[in-house]
Amino acid sequence: MTAYIVVEIDVTDPEGYEEYRRLAAPTVINSGGKYIVRGGETTSLYGDPPKSRIAIMLFESMDKAKAAFDSPAFKAAKAIGDKYANFRVYAVEGLPQ
């Protein structure tokens, strides 16, 4: 089954955060991930609107999603990102198509 990585990002330093984005995005893509949401407009339909930037990535499987975020390249990018943002990251399995 497919898997989605959902990321909520509270950016504390927009300029520094760009350094993280430049490193993290190719790592996700080179690991077989595909961005389907990347910081676009967010509108609340119910409840409080999110205060964070949102990113959602699609992977072929949960194993591939986990491997991408456990890779040395992504860990290096994340170490930089942690200086400029707070992250909430989780994976969820998709439904069979």
Foldseek 3Di string as FASTA:
>chain_A
DKKKKKKWKAFQAVVLLVQLVVQLVVLCVVLAKDKPAFQDDWDDPDDDTDPTRMTMIMHPDPVSVVCSCVDPSNVVSVVSNVVTIDMDMDMDDDDDD
